[in-house]
Amino acid sequence: TERSPLPVFADESFQRLTDVLRLK
């Protein structure tokens, strides 16, 4: 994500509310 020229989205890595900040 740090090097990508395009936005990179989480799908399978992301489930619920408690996941948001750890994926920041």
mmCIF file of all heavy atoms, coordinates in Angstrom:
data_MODEL
# 
_entry.id   MODEL 
# 
loop_
_atom_site.group_PDB 
_atom_site.id 
_atom_site.type_symbol 
_atom_site.label_atom_id 
_atom_site.label_alt_id 
_atom_site.label_comp_id 
_atom_site.label_asym_id 
_atom_site.label_entity_id 
_atom_site.label_seq_id 
_atom_site.pdbx_PDB_ins_code 
_atom_site.Cartn_x 
_atom_site.Cartn_y 
_atom_site.Cartn_z 
_atom_site.occupancy 
_atom_site.B_iso_or_equiv 
_atom_site.pdbx_formal_charge 
_atom_site.auth_seq_id 
_atom_site.auth_comp_id 
_atom_site.auth_asym_id 
_atom_site.auth_atom_id 
_atom_site.pdbx_PDB_model_num 
ATOM 1   N N   . THR A 1 1  ? 0.827   -1.210  0.000  1.00 0.00 ? 1  THR A N   1 
ATOM 2   C CA  . THR A 1 1  ? 0.000   0.000   0.000  1.00 0.00 ? 1  THR A CA  1 
ATOM 3   C C   . THR A 1 1  ? 0.860   1.258   0.000  1.00 0.00 ? 1  THR A C   1 
ATOM 4   O O   . THR A 1 1  ? 0.558   2.240   -0.689 1.00 0.00 ? 1  THR A O   1 
ATOM 5   C CB  . THR A 1 1  ? -0.935  0.003   1.218  1.00 0.00 ? 1  THR A CB  1 
ATOM 6   O OG1 . THR A 1 1  ? -1.817  -1.130  1.135  1.00 0.00 ? 1  THR A OG1 1 
ATOM 7   C CG2 . THR A 1 1  ? -1.764  1.279   1.283  1.00 0.00 ? 1  THR A CG2 1 
ATOM 8   N N   . GLU A 1 2  ? 1.947   1.247   0.764  1.00 0.00 ? 2  GLU A N   1 
ATOM 9   C CA  . GLU A 1 2  ? 2.836   2.408   0.843  1.00 0.00 ? 2  GLU A CA  1 
ATOM 10  C C   . GLU A 1 2  ? 3.442   2.744   -0.517 1.00 0.00 ? 2  GLU A C   1 
ATOM 11  O O   . GLU A 1 2  ? 3.690   3.909   -0.834 1.00 0.00 ? 2  GLU A O   1 
ATOM 12  C CB  . GLU A 1 2  ? 3.947   2.134   1.853  1.00 0.00 ? 2  GLU A CB  1 
ATOM 13  C CG  . GLU A 1 2  ? 4.868   3.315   2.085  1.00 0.00 ? 2  GLU A CG  1 
ATOM 14  C CD  . GLU A 1 2  ? 5.936   3.030   3.134  1.00 0.00 ? 2  GLU A CD  1 
ATOM 15  O OE1 . GLU A 1 2  ? 6.021   1.884   3.619  1.00 0.00 ? 2  GLU A OE1 1 
ATOM 16  O OE2 . GLU A 1 2  ? 6.691   3.967   3.464  1.00 0.00 ? 2  GLU A OE2 1 
ATOM 17  N N   . ARG A 1 3  ? 3.656   1.721   -1.351 1.00 0.00 ? 3  ARG A N   1 
ATOM 18  C CA  . ARG A 1 3  ? 4.330   1.920   -2.638 1.00 0.00 ? 3  ARG A CA  1 
ATOM 19  C C   . ARG A 1 3  ? 3.374   1.947   -3.821 1.00 0.00 ? 3  ARG A C   1 
ATOM 20  O O   . ARG A 1 3  ? 3.765   2.292   -4.931 1.00 0.00 ? 3  ARG A O   1 
ATOM 21  C CB  . ARG A 1 3  ? 5.365   0.804   -2.845 1.00 0.00 ? 3  ARG A CB  1 
ATOM 22  C CG  . ARG A 1 3  ? 6.530   0.871   -1.865 1.00 0.00 ? 3  ARG A CG  1 
ATOM 23  C CD  . ARG A 1 3  ? 7.279   -0.448  -1.771 1.00 0.00 ? 3  ARG A CD  1 
ATOM 24  N NE  . ARG A 1 3  ? 8.455   -0.331  -0.897 1.00 0.00 ? 3  ARG A NE  1 
ATOM 25  C CZ  . ARG A 1 3  ? 8.388   -0.365  0.433  1.00 0.00 ? 3  ARG A CZ  1 
ATOM 26  N NH1 . ARG A 1 3  ? 7.202   -0.509  1.029  1.00 0.00 ? 3  ARG A NH1 1 
ATOM 27  N NH2 . ARG A 1 3  ? 9.489   -0.253  1.156  1.00 0.00 ? 3  ARG A NH2 1 
ATOM 28  N N   . SER A 1 4  ? 2.127   1.584   -3.603 1.00 0.00 ? 4  SER A N   1 
ATOM 29  C CA  . SER A 1 4  ? 1.179   1.432   -4.704 1.00 0.00 ? 4  SER A CA  1 
ATOM 30  C C   . SER A 1 4  ? 0.741   2.779   -5.280 1.00 0.00 ? 4  SER A C   1 
ATOM 31  O O   . SER A 1 4  ? 0.422   3.711   -4.530 1.00 0.00 ? 4  SER A O   1 
ATOM 32  C CB  . SER A 1 4  ? -0.065  0.668   -4.229 1.00 0.00 ? 4  SER A CB  1 
ATOM 33  O OG  . SER A 1 4  ? -1.058  0.655   -5.239 1.00 0.00 ? 4  SER A OG  1 
ATOM 34  N N   . PRO A 1 5  ? 0.685   2.899   -6.604 1.00 0.00 ? 5  PRO A N   1 
ATOM 35  C CA  . PRO A 1 5  ? 0.162   4.116   -7.222 1.00 0.00 ? 5  PRO A CA  1 
ATOM 36  C C   . PRO A 1 5  ? -1.366  4.156   -7.244 1.00 0.00 ? 5  PRO A C   1 
ATOM 37  O O   . PRO A 1 5  ? -1.955  5.158   -7.648 1.00 0.00 ? 5  PRO A O   1 
ATOM 38  C CB  . PRO A 1 5  ? 0.723   4.040   -8.644 1.00 0.00 ? 5  PRO A CB  1 
ATOM 39  C CG  . PRO A 1 5  ? 0.808   2.574   -8.928 1.00 0.00 ? 5  PRO A CG  1 
ATOM 40  C CD  . PRO A 1 5  ? 1.192   1.940   -7.616 1.00 0.00 ? 5  PRO A CD  1 
ATOM 41  N N   . LEU A 1 6  ? -2.002  3.052   -6.807 1.00 0.00 ? 6  LEU A N   1 
ATOM 42  C CA  . LEU A 1 6  ? -3.460  2.970   -6.756 1.00 0.00 ? 6  LEU A CA  1 
ATOM 43  C C   . LEU A 1 6  ? -3.905  2.664   -5.331 1.00 0.00 ? 6  LEU A C   1 
ATOM 44  O O   . LEU A 1 6  ? -3.171  2.022   -4.571 1.00 0.00 ? 6  LEU A O   1 
ATOM 45  C CB  . LEU A 1 6  ? -3.965  1.847   -7.682 1.00 0.00 ? 6  LEU A CB  1 
ATOM 46  C CG  . LEU A 1 6  ? -3.696  2.005   -9.178 1.00 0.00 ? 6  LEU A CG  1 
ATOM 47  C CD1 . LEU A 1 6  ? -4.159  0.751   -9.917 1.00 0.00 ? 6  LEU A CD1 1 
ATOM 48  C CD2 . LEU A 1 6  ? -4.392  3.233   -9.724 1.00 0.00 ? 6  LEU A CD2 1 
ATOM 49  N N   . PRO A 1 7  ? -5.104  3.102   -4.929 1.00 0.00 ? 7  PRO A N   1 
ATOM 50  C CA  . PRO A 1 7  ? -5.613  2.732   -3.603 1.00 0.00 ? 7  PRO A CA  1 
ATOM 51  C C   . PRO A 1 7  ? -5.808  1.225   -3.496 1.00 0.00 ? 7  PRO A C   1 
ATOM 52  O O   . PRO A 1 7  ? -6.262  0.580   -4.439 1.00 0.00 ? 7  PRO A O   1 
ATOM 53  C CB  . PRO A 1 7  ? -6.945  3.487   -3.502 1.00 0.00 ? 7  PRO A CB  1 
ATOM 54  C CG  . PRO A 1 7  ? -7.323  3.813   -4.910 1.00 0.00 ? 7  PRO A CG  1 
ATOM 55  C CD  . PRO A 1 7  ? -6.042  3.968   -5.670 1.00 0.00 ? 7  PRO A CD  1 
ATOM 56  N N   . VAL A 1 8  ? -5.429  0.684   -2.336 1.00 0.00 ? 8  VAL A N   1 
ATOM 57  C CA  . VAL A 1 8  ? -5.525  -0.754  -2.081 1.00 0.00 ? 8  VAL A CA  1 
ATOM 58  C C   . VAL A 1 8  ? -6.536  -0.973  -0.954 1.00 0.00 ? 8  VAL A C   1 
ATOM 59  O O   . VAL A 1 8  ? -6.371  -0.437  0.144  1.00 0.00 ? 8  VAL A O   1 
ATOM 60  C CB  . VAL A 1 8  ? -4.157  -1.343  -1.699 1.00 0.00 ? 8  VAL A CB  1 
ATOM 61  C CG1 . VAL A 1 8  ? -4.281  -2.845  -1.431 1.00 0.00 ? 8  VAL A CG1 1 
ATOM 62  C CG2 . VAL A 1 8  ? -3.128  -1.071  -2.793 1.00 0.00 ? 8  VAL A CG2 1 
ATOM 63  N N   . PHE A 1 9  ? -7.566  -1.764  -1.248 1.00 0.00 ? 9  PHE A N   1 
ATOM 64  C CA  . PHE A 1 9  ? -8.652  -1.973  -0.295 1.00 0.00 ? 9  PHE A CA  1 
ATOM 65  C C   . PHE A 1 9  ? -8.594  -3.352  0.347  1.00 0.00 ? 9  PHE A C   1 
ATOM 66  O O   . PHE A 1 9  ? -8.227  -4.338  -0.299 1.00 0.00 ? 9  PHE A O   1 
ATOM 67  C CB  . PHE A 1 9  ? -10.014 -1.805  -0.990 1.00 0.00 ? 9  PHE A CB  1 
ATOM 68  C CG  . PHE A 1 9  ? -10.465 -0.384  -1.089 1.00 0.00 ? 9  PHE A CG  1 
ATOM 69  C CD1 . PHE A 1 9  ? -9.841  0.498   -1.961 1.00 0.00 ? 9  PHE A CD1 1 
ATOM 70  C CD2 . PHE A 1 9  ? -11.495 0.091   -0.300 1.00 0.00 ? 9  PHE A CD2 1 
ATOM 71  C CE1 . PHE A 1 9  ? -10.240 1.815   -2.056 1.00 0.00 ? 9  PHE A CE1 1 
ATOM 72  C CE2 . PHE A 1 9  ? -11.912 1.410   -0.383 1.00 0.00 ? 9  PHE A CE2 1 
ATOM 73  C CZ  . PHE A 1 9  ? -11.285 2.276   -1.260 1.00 0.00 ? 9  PHE A CZ  1 
ATOM 74  N N   . ALA A 1 10 ? -9.004  -3.408  1.616  1.00 0.00 ? 10 ALA A N   1 
ATOM 75  C CA  . ALA A 1 10 ? -9.124  -4.673  2.335  1.00 0.00 ? 10 ALA A CA  1 
ATOM 76  C C   . ALA A 1 10 ? -10.525 -5.232  2.154  1.00 0.00 ? 10 ALA A C   1 
ATOM 77  O O   . ALA A 1 10 ? -11.511 -4.518  2.313  1.00 0.00 ? 10 ALA A O   1 
ATOM 78  C CB  . ALA A 1 10 ? -8.850  -4.463  3.824  1.00 0.00 ? 10 ALA A CB  1 
ATOM 79  N N   . ASP A 1 11 ? -10.600 -6.511  1.821  1.00 0.00 ? 11 ASP A N   1 
ATOM 80  C CA  . ASP A 1 11 ? -11.879 -7.217  1.809  1.00 0.00 ? 11 ASP A CA  1 
ATOM 81  C C   . ASP A 1 11 ? -11.801 -8.404  2.758  1.00 0.00 ? 11 ASP A C   1 
ATOM 82  O O   . ASP A 1 11 ? -12.272 -8.341  3.892  1.00 0.00 ? 11 ASP A O   1 
ATOM 83  C CB  . ASP A 1 11 ? -12.245 -7.662  0.400  1.00 0.00 ? 11 ASP A CB  1 
ATOM 84  C CG  . ASP A 1 11 ? -13.639 -8.301  0.333  1.00 0.00 ? 11 ASP A CG  1 
ATOM 85  O OD1 . ASP A 1 11 ? -14.322 -8.348  1.379  1.00 0.00 ? 11 ASP A OD1 1 
ATOM 86  O OD2 . ASP A 1 11 ? -14.051 -8.744  -0.743 1.00 0.00 ? 11 ASP A OD2 1 
ATOM 87  N N   . GLU A 1 12 ? -11.149 -9.478  2.333  1.00 0.00 ? 12 GLU A N   1 
ATOM 88  C CA  . GLU A 1 12 ? -11.033 -10.637 3.215  1.00 0.00 ? 12 GLU A CA  1 
ATOM 89  C C   . GLU A 1 12 ? -10.261 -10.328 4.498  1.00 0.00 ? 12 GLU A C   1 
ATOM 90  O O   . GLU A 1 12 ? -10.473 -10.966 5.528  1.00 0.00 ? 12 GLU A O   1 
ATOM 91  C CB  . GLU A 1 12 ? -10.369 -11.807 2.477  1.00 0.00 ? 12 GLU A CB  1 
ATOM 92  C CG  . GLU A 1 12 ? -11.265 -12.486 1.454  1.00 0.00 ? 12 GLU A CG  1 
ATOM 93  C CD  . GLU A 1 12 ? -11.202 -11.845 0.082  1.00 0.00 ? 12 GLU A CD  1 
ATOM 94  O OE1 . GLU A 1 12 ? -10.646 -10.720 -0.042 1.00 0.00 ? 12 GLU A OE1 1 
ATOM 95  O OE2 . GLU A 1 12 ? -11.696 -12.446 -0.881 1.00 0.00 ? 12 GLU A OE2 1 
ATOM 96  N N   . SER A 1 13 ? -9.359  -9.354  4.462  1.00 0.00 ? 13 SER A N   1 
ATOM 97  C CA  . SER A 1 13 ? -8.607  -8.961  5.666  1.00 0.00 ? 13 SER A CA  1 
ATOM 98  C C   . SER A 1 13 ? -9.464  -8.186  6.653  1.00 0.00 ? 13 SER A C   1 
ATOM 99  O O   . SER A 1 13 ? -9.054  -7.988  7.810  1.00 0.00 ? 13 SER A O   1 
ATOM 100 C CB  . SER A 1 13 ? -7.397  -8.094  5.287  1.00 0.00 ? 13 SER A CB  1 
ATOM 101 O OG  . SER A 1 13 ? -6.442  -8.818  4.563  1.00 0.00 ? 13 SER A OG  1 
ATOM 102 N N   . PHE A 1 14 ? -10.613 -7.740  6.208  1.00 0.00 ? 14 PHE A N   1 
ATOM 103 C CA  . PHE A 1 14 ? -11.447 -6.854  7.023  1.00 0.00 ? 14 PHE A CA  1 
ATOM 104 C C   . PHE A 1 14 ? -12.818 -7.480  7.248  1.00 0.00 ? 14 PHE A C   1 
ATOM 105 O O   . PHE A 1 14 ? -13.462 -7.935  6.308  1.00 0.00 ? 14 PHE A O   1 
ATOM 106 C CB  . PHE A 1 14 ? -11.609 -5.494  6.336  1.00 0.00 ? 14 PHE A CB  1 
ATOM 107 C CG  . PHE A 1 14 ? -12.599 -4.598  7.013  1.00 0.00 ? 14 PHE A CG  1 
ATOM 108 C CD1 . PHE A 1 14 ? -12.265 -3.976  8.205  1.00 0.00 ? 14 PHE A CD1 1 
ATOM 109 C CD2 . PHE A 1 14 ? -13.860 -4.402  6.485  1.00 0.00 ? 14 PHE A CD2 1 
ATOM 110 C CE1 . PHE A 1 14 ? -13.180 -3.163  8.849  1.00 0.00 ? 14 PHE A CE1 1 
ATOM 111 C CE2 . PHE A 1 14 ? -14.777 -3.590  7.118  1.00 0.00 ? 14 PHE A CE2 1 
ATOM 112 C CZ  . PHE A 1 14 ? -14.442 -2.976  8.307  1.00 0.00 ? 14 PHE A CZ  1 
ATOM 113 N N   . GLN A 1 15 ? -13.256 -7.473  8.495  1.00 0.00 ? 15 GLN A N   1 
ATOM 114 C CA  . GLN A 1 15 ? -14.563 -8.031  8.823  1.00 0.00 ? 15 GLN A CA  1 
ATOM 115 C C   . GLN A 1 15 ? -15.450 -7.017  9.560  1.00 0.00 ? 15 GLN A C   1 
ATOM 116 O O   . GLN A 1 15 ? -16.452 -6.585  9.037  1.00 0.00 ? 15 GLN A O   1 
ATOM 117 C CB  . GLN A 1 15 ? -14.399 -9.293  9.694  1.00 0.00 ? 15 GLN A CB  1 
ATOM 118 C CG  . GLN A 1 15 ? -13.572 -10.393 9.068  1.00 0.00 ? 15 GLN A CG  1 
ATOM 119 C CD  . GLN A 1 15 ? -14.224 -11.011 7.853  1.00 0.00 ? 15 GLN A CD  1 
ATOM 120 O OE1 . GLN A 1 15 ? -15.422 -11.256 7.843  1.00 0.00 ? 15 GLN A OE1 1 
ATOM 121 N NE2 . GLN A 1 15 ? -13.440 -11.254 6.808  1.00 0.00 ? 15 GLN A NE2 1 
ATOM 122 N N   . ARG A 1 16 ? -14.999 -6.637  10.782 1.00 0.00 ? 16 ARG A N   1 
ATOM 123 C CA  . ARG A 1 16 ? -15.900 -5.905  11.661 1.00 0.00 ? 16 ARG A CA  1 
ATOM 124 C C   . ARG A 1 16 ? -15.270 -4.611  12.189 1.00 0.00 ? 16 ARG A C   1 
ATOM 125 O O   . ARG A 1 16 ? -14.129 -4.262  11.871 1.00 0.00 ? 16 ARG A O   1 
ATOM 126 C CB  . ARG A 1 16 ? -16.327 -6.812  12.815 1.00 0.00 ? 16 ARG A CB  1 
ATOM 127 C CG  . ARG A 1 16 ? -17.043 -8.072  12.345 1.00 0.00 ? 16 ARG A CG  1 
ATOM 128 C CD  . ARG A 1 16 ? -17.770 -8.774  13.466 1.00 0.00 ? 16 ARG A CD  1 
ATOM 129 N NE  . ARG A 1 16 ? -18.774 -7.914  14.082 1.00 0.00 ? 16 ARG A NE  1 
ATOM 130 C CZ  . ARG A 1 16 ? -19.578 -8.307  15.078 1.00 0.00 ? 16 ARG A CZ  1 
ATOM 131 N NH1 . ARG A 1 16 ? -19.490 -9.545  15.552 1.00 0.00 ? 16 ARG A NH1 1 
ATOM 132 N NH2 . ARG A 1 16 ? -20.455 -7.475  15.601 1.00 0.00 ? 16 ARG A NH2 1 
ATOM 133 N N   . LEU A 1 17 ? -16.028 -3.913  13.006 1.00 0.00 ? 17 LEU A N   1 
ATOM 134 C CA  . LEU A 1 17 ? -15.632 -2.603  13.524 1.00 0.00 ? 17 LEU A CA  1 
ATOM 135 C C   . LEU A 1 17 ? -14.263 -2.628  14.190 1.00 0.00 ? 17 LEU A C   1 
ATOM 136 O O   . LEU A 1 17 ? -13.459 -1.709  14.021 1.00 0.00 ? 17 LEU A O   1 
ATOM 137 C CB  . LEU A 1 17 ? -16.698 -2.113  14.515 1.00 0.00 ? 17 LEU A CB  1 
ATOM 138 C CG  . LEU A 1 17 ? -16.459 -0.777  15.218 1.00 0.00 ? 17 LEU A CG  1 
ATOM 139 C CD1 . LEU A 1 17 ? -16.408 0.355   14.204 1.00 0.00 ? 17 LEU A CD1 1 
ATOM 140 C CD2 . LEU A 1 17 ? -17.552 -0.521  16.249 1.00 0.00 ? 17 LEU A CD2 1 
ATOM 141 N N   . THR A 1 18 ? -13.971 -3.663  14.954 1.00 0.00 ? 18 THR A N   1 
ATOM 142 C CA  . THR A 1 18 ? -12.707 -3.733  15.678 1.00 0.00 ? 18 THR A CA  1 
ATOM 143 C C   . THR A 1 18 ? -11.499 -3.866  14.759 1.00 0.00 ? 18 THR A C   1 
ATOM 144 O O   . THR A 1 18 ? -10.357 -3.704  15.205 1.00 0.00 ? 18 THR A O   1 
ATOM 145 C CB  . THR A 1 18 ? -12.719 -4.921  16.666 1.00 0.00 ? 18 THR A CB  1 
ATOM 146 O OG1 . THR A 1 18 ? -13.078 -6.118  15.955 1.00 0.00 ? 18 THR A OG1 1 
ATOM 147 C CG2 . THR A 1 18 ? -13.714 -4.679  17.787 1.00 0.00 ? 18 THR A CG2 1 
ATOM 148 N N   . ASP A 1 19 ? -11.725 -4.150  13.471 1.00 0.00 ? 19 ASP A N   1 
ATOM 149 C CA  . ASP A 1 19 ? -10.623 -4.283  12.524 1.00 0.00 ? 19 ASP A CA  1 
ATOM 150 C C   . ASP A 1 19 ? -10.174 -2.954  11.926 1.00 0.00 ? 19 ASP A C   1 
ATOM 151 O O   . ASP A 1 19 ? -9.082  -2.879  11.346 1.00 0.00 ? 19 ASP A O   1 
ATOM 152 C CB  . ASP A 1 19 ? -11.028 -5.204  11.356 1.00 0.00 ? 19 ASP A CB  1 
ATOM 153 C CG  . ASP A 1 19 ? -11.276 -6.630  11.804 1.00 0.00 ? 19 ASP A CG  1 
ATOM 154 O OD1 . ASP A 1 19 ? -10.598 -7.085  12.735 1.00 0.00 ? 19 ASP A OD1 1 
ATOM 155 O OD2 . ASP A 1 19 ? -12.160 -7.291  11.208 1.00 0.00 ? 19 ASP A OD2 1 
ATOM 156 N N   . VAL A 1 20 ? -10.990 -1.924  12.041 1.00 0.00 ? 20 VAL A N   1 
ATOM 157 C CA  . VAL A 1 20 ? -10.712 -0.698  11.293 1.00 0.00 ? 20 VAL A CA  1 
ATOM 158 C C   . VAL A 1 20 ? -9.365  -0.097  11.669 1.00 0.00 ? 20 VAL A C   1 
ATOM 159 O O   . VAL A 1 20 ? -8.502  0.126   10.810 1.00 0.00 ? 20 VAL A O   1 
ATOM 160 C CB  . VAL A 1 20 ? -11.831 0.353   11.493 1.00 0.00 ? 20 VAL A CB  1 
ATOM 161 C CG1 . VAL A 1 20 ? -11.475 1.642   10.757 1.00 0.00 ? 20 VAL A CG1 1 
ATOM 162 C CG2 . VAL A 1 20 ? -13.163 -0.183  11.001 1.00 0.00 ? 20 VAL A CG2 1 
ATOM 163 N N   . LEU A 1 21 ? -9.140  0.162   12.942 1.00 0.00 ? 21 LEU A N   1 
ATOM 164 C CA  . LEU A 1 21 ? -7.933  0.867   13.346 1.00 0.00 ? 21 LEU A CA  1 
ATOM 165 C C   . LEU A 1 21 ? -6.678  0.021   13.173 1.00 0.00 ? 21 LEU A C   1 
ATOM 166 O O   . LEU A 1 21 ? -5.598  0.560   12.902 1.00 0.00 ? 21 LEU A O   1 
ATOM 167 C CB  . LEU A 1 21 ? -8.062  1.355   14.790 1.00 0.00 ? 21 LEU A CB  1 
ATOM 168 C CG  . LEU A 1 21 ? -9.121  2.449   15.013 1.00 0.00 ? 21 LEU A CG  1 
ATOM 169 C CD1 . LEU A 1 21 ? -9.127  2.906   16.451 1.00 0.00 ? 21 LEU A CD1 1 
ATOM 170 C CD2 . LEU A 1 21 ? -8.896  3.631   14.073 1.00 0.00 ? 21 LEU A CD2 1 
ATOM 171 N N   . ARG A 1 22 ? -6.785  -1.288  13.311 1.00 0.00 ? 22 ARG A N   1 
ATOM 172 C CA  . ARG A 1 22 ? -5.580  -2.105  13.117 1.00 0.00 ? 22 ARG A CA  1 
ATOM 173 C C   . ARG A 1 22 ? -5.169  -2.165  11.651 1.00 0.00 ? 22 ARG A C   1 
ATOM 174 O O   . ARG A 1 22 ? -4.035  -2.540  11.333 1.00 0.00 ? 22 ARG A O   1 
ATOM 175 C CB  . ARG A 1 22 ? -5.781  -3.517  13.685 1.00 0.00 ? 22 ARG A CB  1 
ATOM 176 C CG  . ARG A 1 22 ? -6.630  -4.449  12.870 1.00 0.00 ? 22 ARG A CG  1 
ATOM 177 C CD  . ARG A 1 22 ? -6.756  -5.815  13.515 1.00 0.00 ? 22 ARG A CD  1 
ATOM 178 N NE  . ARG A 1 22 ? -7.605  -6.691  12.707 1.00 0.00 ? 22 ARG A NE  1 
ATOM 179 C CZ  . ARG A 1 22 ? -7.152  -7.439  11.703 1.00 0.00 ? 22 ARG A CZ  1 
ATOM 180 N NH1 . ARG A 1 22 ? -5.867  -7.440  11.396 1.00 0.00 ? 22 ARG A NH1 1 
ATOM 181 N NH2 . ARG A 1 22 ? -7.982  -8.203  11.023 1.00 0.00 ? 22 ARG A NH2 1 
ATOM 182 N N   . LEU A 1 23 ? -6.074  -1.778  10.742 1.00 0.00 ? 23 LEU A N   1 
ATOM 183 C CA  . LEU A 1 23 ? -5.748  -1.777  9.318  1.00 0.00 ? 23 LEU A CA  1 
ATOM 184 C C   . LEU A 1 23 ? -5.379  -0.397  8.802  1.00 0.00 ? 23 LEU A C   1 
ATOM 185 O O   . LEU A 1 23 ? -5.071  -0.231  7.630  1.00 0.00 ? 23 LEU A O   1 
ATOM 186 C CB  . LEU A 1 23 ? -6.922  -2.341  8.507  1.00 0.00 ? 23 LEU A CB  1 
ATOM 187 C CG  . LEU A 1 23 ? -7.265  -3.811  8.769  1.00 0.00 ? 23 LEU A CG  1 
ATOM 188 C CD1 . LEU A 1 23 ? -8.406  -4.263  7.864  1.00 0.00 ? 23 LEU A CD1 1 
ATOM 189 C CD2 . LEU A 1 23 ? -6.046  -4.711  8.576  1.00 0.00 ? 23 LEU A CD2 1 
ATOM 190 N N   . LYS A 1 24 ? -5.419  0.597   9.689  1.00 0.00 ? 24 LYS A N   1 
ATOM 191 C CA  . LYS A 1 24 ? -4.964  1.923   9.317  1.00 0.00 ? 24 LYS A CA  1 
ATOM 192 C C   . LYS A 1 24 ? -3.480  1.860   8.969  1.00 0.00 ? 24 LYS A C   1 
ATOM 193 O O   . LYS A 1 24 ? -2.660  1.369   9.745  1.00 0.00 ? 24 LYS A O   1 
ATOM 194 C CB  . LYS A 1 24 ? -5.195  2.903   10.479 1.00 0.00 ? 24 LYS A CB  1 
ATOM 195 C CG  . LYS A 1 24 ? -4.524  4.260   10.307 1.00 0.00 ? 24 LYS A CG  1 
ATOM 196 C CD  . LYS A 1 24 ? -5.139  5.065   9.181  1.00 0.00 ? 24 LYS A CD  1 
ATOM 197 C CE  . LYS A 1 24 ? -4.480  6.436   9.078  1.00 0.00 ? 24 LYS A CE  1 
ATOM 198 N NZ  . LYS A 1 24 ? -5.026  7.235   7.960  1.00 0.00 ? 24 LYS A NZ  1 
# 
